[in-house]
Amino acid sequence: MKIATYNVNGINARLPVLLRWLEETAPDVACLQELKSIEEKFPLLAIHGAGYNVVMHGQKSWNGVAILAKNQLELKESSRGLPGNDTDEQSRYIEAQVEDILVCCLYAPNGNPAPGPKFDYKMNWLQRLVIRSEMLVKMSNPVVVLGDYNIIPTDFDAQKPERWVNDAVFFPEAKEIYQQLLKQGWTDSIRELHRNEKIFTYWDYFRNAFNRDAGIRMDHLLLNAPLATRLKAGNVDRNVRGWEKTSDHAPVWIDVSD
């Protein structure tokens, strides 16, 4: 099964890019972030036409997450919203069962400007994720927690780490959260497969970042032990970042045995 994550940066604005990518790469499961769309405005007919069913947690103009699965696969939403704060109205998290795999799609807060209220919200959200992940990692069935974490885990995950020292995605507190997740027993699938390779998932629109390969890695697929043993391959579809009117993120995917 091929499982992918893609921050589309506005699903309606990027729909031609998304549909082209789905057609050319045919992931079995595609988790999308930053939809910037309520459910009524979601391009459901186009997604169905591409051969996918969908569950989503939308929000007007901001945030939003969705899980797409090929029509022949069983897709059943199990929960939406990250537990731990009933007053949180931001649409950043959804879980669904796809065949035997629990798929947890997230769009973590960016946290800028930092320090400040947005960074405080980011850290509170990530601490709630740690609590949820502690339960998920212990499950006997396969689990993947994937999406835009808005965390650069290490210096090696940035072409120029010094450029990011004042950005919330690279603050020590955020990186420590990521290490806490790994210590729980999650496998960082892309780093597991590409241990010594500078591999990136995001390139800023500004300063010709993509052509200079001035990227960072902040879109991740974390696997619990039952799924990590099935990991076969994975990479970044970085060519998609070079398409016309594309997102500033590139899709990231893994292939796991059935």
Protein backbone atom coordinates (compact mmCIF):
# COMPACT_ATOMS: atom_id res chain seq x y z
CA MET A 1 0.00 0.00 0.00
CA LYS A 2 1.32 3.42 -0.97
CA ILE A 3 0.58 6.10 1.64
CA ALA A 4 1.32 9.78 1.01
CA THR A 5 1.08 13.14 2.73
CA TYR A 6 0.79 16.47 0.93
CA ASN A 7 0.28 20.00 2.23
CA VAL A 8 -1.64 21.38 -0.75
CA ASN A 9 -1.74 25.00 0.47
CA GLY A 10 -5.36 25.53 -0.61
CA ILE A 11 -7.13 22.60 -2.24
CA ASN A 12 -9.30 24.59 -4.62
CA ALA A 13 -6.44 26.81 -5.77
CA ARG A 14 -4.18 23.77 -6.30
CA LEU A 15 -6.79 21.31 -7.57
CA PRO A 16 -5.23 20.84 -11.06
CA VAL A 17 -1.87 20.09 -9.42
CA LEU A 18 -3.45 17.68 -6.94
CA LEU A 19 -5.39 15.80 -9.61
CA ARG A 20 -2.32 15.53 -11.85
CA TRP A 21 -0.25 14.18 -8.96
CA LEU A 22 -2.94 11.64 -8.02
CA GLU A 23 -3.16 10.45 -11.61
CA GLU A 24 0.59 10.21 -12.16
CA THR A 25 1.58 8.59 -8.86
CA ALA A 26 -1.64 6.78 -7.80
CA PRO A 27 -1.19 6.64 -4.01
CA ASP A 28 -3.59 4.27 -2.29
CA VAL A 29 -3.97 6.74 0.57
CA ALA A 30 -3.30 10.49 0.39
CA CYS A 31 -3.45 12.71 3.45
CA LEU A 32 -3.87 16.39 2.67
CA GLN A 33 -3.26 19.44 4.84
CA GLU A 34 -4.00 23.15 4.70
CA LEU A 35 -7.18 22.64 2.67
CA LYS A 36 -8.42 26.18 3.40
CA SER A 37 -11.93 24.94 2.66
CA ILE A 38 -15.15 24.14 4.46
CA GLU A 39 -16.81 20.84 3.59
CA GLU A 40 -19.40 22.50 1.35
CA LYS A 41 -16.63 24.00 -0.80
CA PHE A 42 -14.48 20.88 -0.94
CA PRO A 43 -14.09 19.59 -4.56
CA LEU A 44 -15.73 16.27 -3.75
CA LEU A 45 -16.86 15.46 -7.29
CA ALA A 46 -13.35 15.96 -8.67
CA ILE A 47 -11.83 13.75 -5.96
CA HIS A 48 -14.45 11.06 -6.56
CA GLY A 49 -13.76 11.34 -10.28
CA ALA A 50 -10.09 10.69 -9.61
CA GLY A 51 -11.06 7.42 -7.95
CA TYR A 52 -10.96 8.33 -4.27
CA ASN A 53 -13.28 8.45 -1.31
CA VAL A 54 -12.58 11.07 1.33
CA VAL A 55 -13.10 12.04 4.95
CA MET A 56 -12.25 15.60 5.93
CA HIS A 57 -12.19 18.11 8.74
CA GLY A 58 -12.46 21.52 7.11
CA GLN A 59 -12.36 25.17 8.08
CA LYS A 60 -13.01 28.37 6.13
CA SER A 61 -9.85 30.04 4.75
CA TRP A 62 -7.45 28.26 7.11
CA ASN A 63 -6.14 24.84 8.15
CA GLY A 64 -8.16 21.75 7.22
CA VAL A 65 -7.15 18.10 6.82
CA ALA A 66 -8.43 15.23 4.68
CA ILE A 67 -7.76 11.54 4.14
CA LEU A 68 -8.27 10.17 0.62
CA ALA A 69 -8.39 6.45 -0.10
CA LYS A 70 -8.88 4.62 -3.38
CA ASN A 71 -12.47 3.58 -3.97
CA GLN A 72 -11.77 -0.13 -3.54
CA LEU A 73 -10.32 0.41 -0.04
CA GLU A 74 -12.43 0.52 3.08
CA LEU A 75 -12.30 4.03 4.59
CA LYS A 76 -14.00 4.83 7.88
CA GLU A 77 -13.49 7.98 9.94
CA SER A 78 -12.85 7.17 13.60
CA SER A 79 -12.29 10.62 15.15
CA ARG A 80 -11.63 14.25 14.33
CA GLY A 81 -9.88 16.91 16.36
CA LEU A 82 -6.89 16.28 18.62
CA PRO A 83 -8.07 15.28 22.12
CA GLY A 84 -7.26 17.40 25.15
CA ASN A 85 -8.84 20.79 24.43
CA ASP A 86 -12.57 20.97 23.76
CA THR A 87 -12.34 24.71 23.01
CA ASP A 88 -9.88 24.28 20.12
CA GLU A 89 -11.78 25.22 16.96
CA GLN A 90 -8.89 24.80 14.51
CA SER A 91 -9.28 21.89 12.07
CA ARG A 92 -5.89 20.21 12.28
CA TYR A 93 -6.37 16.50 12.99
CA ILE A 94 -8.40 13.53 11.76
CA GLU A 95 -8.14 9.75 12.14
CA ALA A 96 -9.59 7.08 9.87
CA GLN A 97 -9.28 3.35 9.43
CA VAL A 98 -8.08 2.33 5.95
CA GLU A 99 -8.24 -1.44 5.70
CA ASP A 100 -6.08 -2.65 8.63
CA ILE A 101 -4.15 0.63 9.08
CA LEU A 102 -5.16 3.50 11.37
CA VAL A 103 -4.28 6.67 9.47
CA CYS A 104 -3.85 9.84 11.56
CA CYS A 105 -3.51 13.00 9.45
CA LEU A 106 -2.25 16.18 11.11
CA TYR A 107 -1.45 19.78 10.34
CA ALA A 108 0.50 21.10 13.30
CA PRO A 109 0.52 24.83 14.07
CA ASN A 110 3.33 26.87 12.56
CA GLY A 111 3.86 28.92 15.72
CA ASN A 112 5.17 32.15 14.24
CA PRO A 113 5.77 34.83 15.32
CA ALA A 114 7.62 33.35 18.25
CA PRO A 115 7.72 33.82 21.12
CA GLY A 116 4.09 34.80 21.53
CA PRO A 117 0.52 33.45 21.66
CA LYS A 118 0.84 31.50 18.40
CA PHE A 119 3.92 29.69 19.66
CA ASP A 120 2.20 28.97 22.96
CA TYR A 121 -0.70 27.42 21.03
CA LYS A 122 1.76 25.38 18.94
CA MET A 123 3.43 23.94 22.02
CA ASN A 124 0.12 23.17 23.72
CA TRP A 125 -1.08 21.42 20.57
CA LEU A 126 2.14 19.42 20.26
CA GLN A 127 1.98 18.38 23.91
CA ARG A 128 -1.52 17.07 23.26
CA LEU A 129 -0.12 15.19 20.26
CA VAL A 130 2.50 13.56 22.49
CA ILE A 131 -0.26 12.31 24.80
CA ARG A 132 -2.34 10.97 21.91
CA SER A 133 0.71 9.39 20.27
CA GLU A 134 1.68 7.59 23.47
CA MET A 135 -1.59 5.68 23.21
CA LEU A 136 -1.40 5.16 19.44
CA VAL A 137 2.15 3.79 19.39
CA LYS A 138 1.15 0.97 21.74
CA MET A 139 -1.67 -0.28 19.53
CA SER A 140 -1.32 -3.82 18.22
CA ASN A 141 -2.64 -2.85 14.79
CA PRO A 142 -0.62 -0.73 12.30
CA VAL A 143 -0.70 3.05 12.81
CA VAL A 144 0.76 5.94 10.80
CA VAL A 145 0.75 9.53 12.07
CA LEU A 146 1.57 11.71 9.11
CA GLY A 147 1.34 15.24 7.83
CA ASP A 148 2.88 18.66 8.14
CA TYR A 149 4.42 18.66 11.61
CA ASN A 150 5.88 22.16 11.18
CA ILE A 151 9.03 20.87 12.87
CA ILE A 152 12.52 20.62 11.39
CA PRO A 153 13.86 17.75 13.52
CA THR A 154 17.62 18.36 13.21
CA ASP A 155 20.22 20.56 11.50
CA PHE A 156 20.57 17.83 8.88
CA ASP A 157 16.94 18.44 7.85
CA ALA A 158 17.67 21.96 6.57
CA GLN A 159 19.92 23.07 3.73
CA LYS A 160 20.88 26.14 5.76
CA PRO A 161 19.90 25.56 9.40
CA GLU A 162 21.22 28.97 10.44
CA ARG A 163 18.47 30.57 8.35
CA TRP A 164 15.81 28.97 10.60
CA VAL A 165 17.13 29.63 14.12
CA ASN A 166 14.56 32.37 14.74
CA ASP A 167 11.66 30.41 13.24
CA ALA A 168 9.20 28.48 15.42
CA VAL A 169 9.58 25.35 13.27
CA PHE A 170 13.22 25.12 14.43
CA PHE A 171 12.91 26.23 18.05
CA PRO A 172 14.52 23.81 20.54
CA GLU A 173 11.17 23.26 22.26
CA ALA A 174 9.58 22.04 19.02
CA LYS A 175 12.52 19.80 18.15
CA GLU A 176 12.37 18.29 21.64
CA ILE A 177 8.72 17.34 21.05
CA TYR A 178 9.77 15.44 17.91
CA GLN A 179 12.44 13.60 19.87
CA GLN A 180 9.85 12.70 22.50
CA LEU A 181 7.75 11.10 19.77
CA LEU A 182 10.69 9.04 18.52
CA LYS A 183 11.50 7.94 22.07
CA GLN A 184 7.94 6.62 22.35
CA GLY A 185 8.86 4.10 19.67
CA TRP A 186 7.77 5.75 16.43
CA THR A 187 9.86 5.22 13.28
CA ASP A 188 10.59 8.30 11.15
CA SER A 189 10.06 6.41 7.90
CA ILE A 190 11.78 8.78 5.46
CA ARG A 191 14.84 9.23 7.67
CA GLU A 192 14.96 5.46 8.23
CA LEU A 193 15.13 4.96 4.46
CA HIS A 194 17.44 7.91 3.70
CA ARG A 195 19.73 8.10 6.72
CA ASN A 196 22.59 9.98 5.08
CA GLU A 197 20.71 11.97 2.46
CA LYS A 198 19.75 15.63 2.58
CA ILE A 199 16.09 15.22 1.74
CA PHE A 200 13.58 18.07 1.87
CA THR A 201 9.80 18.48 1.66
CA TYR A 202 9.35 22.27 1.65
CA TRP A 203 10.89 25.13 -0.28
CA ASP A 204 9.84 28.73 0.31
CA TYR A 205 8.26 30.63 -2.59
CA PHE A 206 10.74 33.44 -2.02
CA ARG A 207 14.41 33.89 -2.95
CA ASN A 208 14.24 31.19 -5.63
CA ALA A 209 14.49 28.60 -2.85
CA PHE A 210 13.45 25.57 -4.89
CA ASN A 211 15.94 26.12 -7.71
CA ARG A 212 18.67 26.65 -5.09
CA ASP A 213 17.44 23.58 -3.18
CA ALA A 214 17.25 25.74 -0.06
CA GLY A 215 14.72 23.39 1.51
CA ILE A 216 13.74 21.87 4.81
CA ARG A 217 12.12 18.61 5.92
CA MET A 218 9.02 19.13 8.05
CA ASP A 219 6.46 16.74 6.52
CA HIS A 220 6.81 13.38 8.25
CA LEU A 221 5.31 9.89 8.34
CA LEU A 222 5.77 8.21 11.73
CA LEU A 223 5.05 4.48 11.99
CA ASN A 224 4.40 2.31 15.02
CA ALA A 225 6.25 -1.00 15.25
CA PRO A 226 3.60 -3.19 13.54
CA LEU A 227 3.70 -0.91 10.49
CA ALA A 228 7.44 -0.13 10.55
CA THR A 229 8.19 -3.81 9.94
CA ARG A 230 6.24 -3.52 6.68
CA LEU A 231 8.13 -0.47 5.36
CA LYS A 232 9.54 -1.13 1.87
CA ALA A 233 10.25 2.24 0.22
CA GLY A 234 9.59 5.95 0.44
CA ASN A 235 10.63 9.30 -0.98
CA VAL A 236 9.60 12.85 -1.85
CA ASP A 237 7.93 13.73 -5.16
CA ARG A 238 10.06 16.84 -5.35
CA ASN A 239 9.35 17.36 -9.06
CA VAL A 240 5.79 18.37 -8.10
CA ARG A 241 7.23 21.41 -6.32
CA GLY A 242 8.46 22.62 -9.72
CA TRP A 243 5.04 22.49 -11.40
CA GLU A 244 3.07 25.59 -12.33
CA LYS A 245 0.92 27.09 -9.54
CA THR A 246 2.02 24.43 -7.07
CA SER A 247 2.22 24.28 -3.29
CA ASP A 248 5.40 25.23 -1.46
CA HIS A 249 5.43 21.66 -0.11
CA ALA A 250 6.07 18.49 -2.10
CA PRO A 251 4.23 15.20 -1.56
CA VAL A 252 5.97 12.61 0.60
CA TRP A 253 5.14 8.90 0.35
CA ILE A 254 5.96 5.46 1.66
CA ASP A 255 5.19 1.97 0.40
CA VAL A 256 4.30 -0.71 2.94
CA SER A 257 3.66 -4.38 2.33
CA ASP A 258 0.08 -5.61 2.53
